[in-house]
Amino acid sequence: MASEEYKIEGKDLLSRVKEIVHEGNVRRIIIKNEAGHSLLEIPLSIGVVGVVLLPVWVAIGAIAALTAHYTLVVEKDTPPA
């Protein structure tokens, strides 16, 4: 499993998470604050979209209002070699 990290500002947090989810191939997204503490972990499985994620979007919006800078850790499935 591959992992990527993105530094992002609070105002862009929700839109970037939505972009990452729509890219597909994502196993889990972790949102960390400036101190590196996990604020939210979003496990994603194949086929999870739309209404199922609505409470997650609301939570991310609330988190984005707390501070200015976040780190997104994106865990992706890697194809077998």
N, C-alpha and C. Protein backbone atom coordinates (compact mmCIF):
# COMPACT_ATOMS: atom_id res chain seq x y z
N MET A 1 0.86 -1.17 0.00
CA MET A 1 0.00 0.00 0.00
C MET A 1 0.90 1.24 0.00
N ALA A 2 0.61 2.15 -0.89
CA ALA A 2 1.37 3.39 -1.00
C ALA A 2 0.70 4.49 -0.18
N SER A 3 1.51 5.42 0.29
CA SER A 3 1.00 6.51 1.10
C SER A 3 1.56 7.83 0.55
N GLU A 4 0.70 8.83 0.46
CA GLU A 4 1.10 10.16 0.00
C GLU A 4 0.65 11.18 1.03
N GLU A 5 1.42 12.26 1.19
CA GLU A 5 1.05 13.33 2.11
C GLU A 5 0.94 14.63 1.35
N TYR A 6 -0.07 15.42 1.70
CA TYR A 6 -0.28 16.73 1.09
C TYR A 6 -0.46 17.75 2.21
N LYS A 7 0.25 18.86 2.12
CA LYS A 7 0.04 19.99 3.03
C LYS A 7 -1.03 20.85 2.38
N ILE A 8 -2.04 21.23 3.15
CA ILE A 8 -3.17 21.95 2.57
C ILE A 8 -3.73 22.95 3.56
N GLU A 9 -4.29 24.02 3.05
CA GLU A 9 -4.92 25.03 3.90
C GLU A 9 -6.35 24.64 4.18
N GLY A 10 -6.86 25.12 5.31
CA GLY A 10 -8.21 24.78 5.74
C GLY A 10 -9.28 25.10 4.71
N LYS A 11 -9.14 26.22 4.03
CA LYS A 11 -10.17 26.64 3.06
C LYS A 11 -10.24 25.69 1.86
N ASP A 12 -9.17 24.95 1.59
CA ASP A 12 -9.13 24.03 0.45
C ASP A 12 -9.33 22.57 0.86
N LEU A 13 -9.48 22.33 2.14
CA LEU A 13 -9.51 20.96 2.66
C LEU A 13 -10.63 20.11 2.07
N LEU A 14 -11.85 20.57 2.14
CA LEU A 14 -13.00 19.79 1.68
C LEU A 14 -12.91 19.50 0.18
N SER A 15 -12.59 20.51 -0.61
CA SER A 15 -12.54 20.29 -2.06
C SER A 15 -11.43 19.32 -2.44
N ARG A 16 -10.29 19.39 -1.74
CA ARG A 16 -9.19 18.48 -2.05
C ARG A 16 -9.53 17.05 -1.66
N VAL A 17 -10.19 16.85 -0.52
CA VAL A 17 -10.59 15.51 -0.11
C VAL A 17 -11.57 14.93 -1.13
N LYS A 18 -12.52 15.73 -1.59
CA LYS A 18 -13.46 15.25 -2.61
C LYS A 18 -12.74 14.85 -3.89
N GLU A 19 -11.75 15.65 -4.31
CA GLU A 19 -10.97 15.31 -5.51
C GLU A 19 -10.27 13.96 -5.33
N ILE A 20 -9.67 13.78 -4.18
CA ILE A 20 -8.93 12.54 -3.91
C ILE A 20 -9.88 11.34 -3.93
N VAL A 21 -11.04 11.48 -3.33
CA VAL A 21 -12.03 10.39 -3.32
C VAL A 21 -12.45 10.04 -4.74
N HIS A 22 -12.67 11.05 -5.57
CA HIS A 22 -13.12 10.81 -6.94
C HIS A 22 -12.02 10.24 -7.83
N GLU A 23 -10.76 10.41 -7.44
CA GLU A 23 -9.66 9.81 -8.20
C GLU A 23 -9.73 8.29 -8.14
N GLY A 24 -10.31 7.78 -7.07
CA GLY A 24 -10.43 6.34 -6.89
C GLY A 24 -9.13 5.74 -6.38
N ASN A 25 -9.12 4.43 -6.19
CA ASN A 25 -7.94 3.70 -5.75
C ASN A 25 -7.46 4.12 -4.35
N VAL A 26 -8.33 4.80 -3.59
CA VAL A 26 -7.95 5.28 -2.26
C VAL A 26 -8.52 4.35 -1.20
N ARG A 27 -7.67 3.93 -0.29
CA ARG A 27 -8.05 3.02 0.77
C ARG A 27 -8.50 3.78 2.03
N ARG A 28 -7.74 4.85 2.37
CA ARG A 28 -8.05 5.62 3.57
C ARG A 28 -7.45 7.01 3.46
N ILE A 29 -8.14 7.99 4.04
CA ILE A 29 -7.65 9.36 4.12
C ILE A 29 -7.58 9.74 5.60
N ILE A 30 -6.46 10.31 5.99
CA ILE A 30 -6.27 10.76 7.37
C ILE A 30 -6.02 12.27 7.33
N ILE A 31 -6.76 13.00 8.14
CA ILE A 31 -6.57 14.45 8.24
C ILE A 31 -5.86 14.72 9.55
N LYS A 32 -4.70 15.39 9.45
CA LYS A 32 -3.91 15.71 10.64
C LYS A 32 -3.81 17.22 10.81
N ASN A 33 -3.71 17.66 12.06
CA ASN A 33 -3.55 19.09 12.31
C ASN A 33 -2.07 19.47 12.19
N GLU A 34 -1.75 20.73 12.47
CA GLU A 34 -0.38 21.22 12.34
C GLU A 34 0.60 20.49 13.25
N ALA A 35 0.12 20.01 14.39
CA ALA A 35 0.97 19.30 15.35
C ALA A 35 1.17 17.84 14.96
N GLY A 36 0.49 17.39 13.91
CA GLY A 36 0.63 16.01 13.46
C GLY A 36 -0.33 15.03 14.10
N HIS A 37 -1.29 15.54 14.87
CA HIS A 37 -2.29 14.66 15.49
C HIS A 37 -3.43 14.37 14.51
N SER A 38 -3.86 13.14 14.45
CA SER A 38 -4.97 12.76 13.58
C SER A 38 -6.28 13.34 14.10
N LEU A 39 -7.00 14.04 13.23
CA LEU A 39 -8.30 14.58 13.59
C LEU A 39 -9.44 13.72 13.06
N LEU A 40 -9.22 13.12 11.90
CA LEU A 40 -10.26 12.32 11.28
C LEU A 40 -9.61 11.28 10.37
N GLU A 41 -10.08 10.04 10.47
CA GLU A 41 -9.65 8.99 9.57
C GLU A 41 -10.87 8.51 8.81
N ILE A 42 -10.75 8.51 7.50
CA ILE A 42 -11.88 8.14 6.65
C ILE A 42 -11.51 6.86 5.90
N PRO A 43 -12.05 5.72 6.34
CA PRO A 43 -11.81 4.49 5.58
C PRO A 43 -12.74 4.46 4.37
N LEU A 44 -12.19 4.17 3.22
CA LEU A 44 -12.99 4.15 2.00
C LEU A 44 -12.93 2.75 1.40
N SER A 45 -14.07 2.28 0.97
CA SER A 45 -14.11 1.01 0.28
C SER A 45 -14.68 1.25 -1.11
N ILE A 46 -14.49 0.31 -1.97
CA ILE A 46 -14.98 0.44 -3.34
C ILE A 46 -16.49 0.61 -3.32
N GLY A 47 -16.97 1.58 -4.04
CA GLY A 47 -18.40 1.81 -4.14
C GLY A 47 -18.98 2.78 -3.13
N VAL A 48 -18.16 3.33 -2.24
CA VAL A 48 -18.66 4.29 -1.25
C VAL A 48 -18.64 5.68 -1.89
N VAL A 49 -19.83 6.20 -2.17
CA VAL A 49 -19.95 7.52 -2.79
C VAL A 49 -21.24 8.19 -2.35
N GLY A 50 -21.40 9.42 -2.77
CA GLY A 50 -22.66 10.13 -2.63
C GLY A 50 -23.16 10.31 -1.22
N VAL A 51 -24.40 9.90 -1.01
CA VAL A 51 -25.11 10.14 0.25
C VAL A 51 -24.39 9.50 1.44
N VAL A 52 -23.73 8.38 1.21
CA VAL A 52 -23.03 7.70 2.30
C VAL A 52 -21.95 8.61 2.88
N LEU A 53 -21.32 9.43 2.04
CA LEU A 53 -20.23 10.30 2.50
C LEU A 53 -20.70 11.67 2.99
N LEU A 54 -21.99 11.95 2.92
CA LEU A 54 -22.50 13.26 3.34
C LEU A 54 -22.09 13.62 4.77
N PRO A 55 -22.24 12.75 5.75
CA PRO A 55 -21.79 13.11 7.11
C PRO A 55 -20.29 13.37 7.18
N VAL A 56 -19.51 12.70 6.34
CA VAL A 56 -18.07 12.91 6.31
C VAL A 56 -17.76 14.31 5.78
N TRP A 57 -18.47 14.74 4.73
CA TRP A 57 -18.24 16.09 4.18
C TRP A 57 -18.56 17.15 5.25
N VAL A 58 -19.61 16.94 6.00
CA VAL A 58 -19.98 17.89 7.07
C VAL A 58 -18.88 17.94 8.13
N ALA A 59 -18.37 16.79 8.52
CA ALA A 59 -17.30 16.74 9.53
C ALA A 59 -16.04 17.43 9.02
N ILE A 60 -15.70 17.22 7.77
CA ILE A 60 -14.51 17.85 7.20
C ILE A 60 -14.69 19.37 7.16
N GLY A 61 -15.88 19.83 6.82
CA GLY A 61 -16.16 21.27 6.82
C GLY A 61 -15.98 21.87 8.20
N ALA A 62 -16.41 21.16 9.22
CA ALA A 62 -16.27 21.65 10.59
C ALA A 62 -14.80 21.67 11.01
N ILE A 63 -14.07 20.64 10.63
CA ILE A 63 -12.64 20.58 10.95
C ILE A 63 -11.89 21.70 10.24
N ALA A 64 -12.24 21.97 9.00
CA ALA A 64 -11.56 23.01 8.22
C ALA A 64 -11.66 24.38 8.88
N ALA A 65 -12.72 24.61 9.64
CA ALA A 65 -12.91 25.89 10.31
C ALA A 65 -12.03 26.05 11.55
N LEU A 66 -11.44 24.97 12.03
CA LEU A 66 -10.68 25.01 13.28
C LEU A 66 -9.32 25.68 13.16
N THR A 67 -8.60 25.42 12.10
CA THR A 67 -7.25 25.97 11.94
C THR A 67 -6.92 26.16 10.47
N ALA A 68 -5.75 26.68 10.19
CA ALA A 68 -5.43 27.07 8.82
C ALA A 68 -4.69 26.00 8.01
N HIS A 69 -3.91 25.15 8.66
CA HIS A 69 -3.06 24.22 7.91
C HIS A 69 -3.27 22.78 8.36
N TYR A 70 -3.33 21.89 7.38
CA TYR A 70 -3.55 20.47 7.63
C TYR A 70 -2.61 19.64 6.77
N THR A 71 -2.48 18.40 7.15
CA THR A 71 -1.78 17.42 6.33
C THR A 71 -2.78 16.32 6.00
N LEU A 72 -2.89 16.00 4.73
CA LEU A 72 -3.72 14.89 4.30
C LEU A 72 -2.78 13.71 4.03
N VAL A 73 -3.07 12.59 4.65
CA VAL A 73 -2.33 11.36 4.36
C VAL A 73 -3.28 10.47 3.58
N VAL A 74 -2.89 10.11 2.37
CA VAL A 74 -3.74 9.33 1.50
C VAL A 74 -3.10 7.96 1.29
N GLU A 75 -3.77 6.92 1.73
CA GLU A 75 -3.29 5.57 1.53
C GLU A 75 -4.02 4.98 0.32
N LYS A 76 -3.23 4.52 -0.65
CA LYS A 76 -3.81 3.99 -1.88
C LYS A 76 -3.44 2.53 -2.04
N ASP A 77 -4.34 1.80 -2.70
CA ASP A 77 -4.04 0.42 -3.06
C ASP A 77 -3.05 0.46 -4.20
N THR A 78 -2.06 -0.38 -4.12
CA THR A 78 -1.10 -0.49 -5.22
C THR A 78 -1.35 -1.80 -5.93
N PRO A 79 -1.30 -1.76 -7.25
CA PRO A 79 -1.53 -3.00 -8.00
C PRO A 79 -0.40 -4.00 -7.73
N PRO A 80 -0.73 -5.28 -7.71
CA PRO A 80 0.30 -6.30 -7.46
C PRO A 80 1.37 -6.24 -8.55
N ALA A 81 2.61 -6.43 -8.14
CA ALA A 81 3.72 -6.36 -9.10
C ALA A 81 3.97 -7.69 -9.76
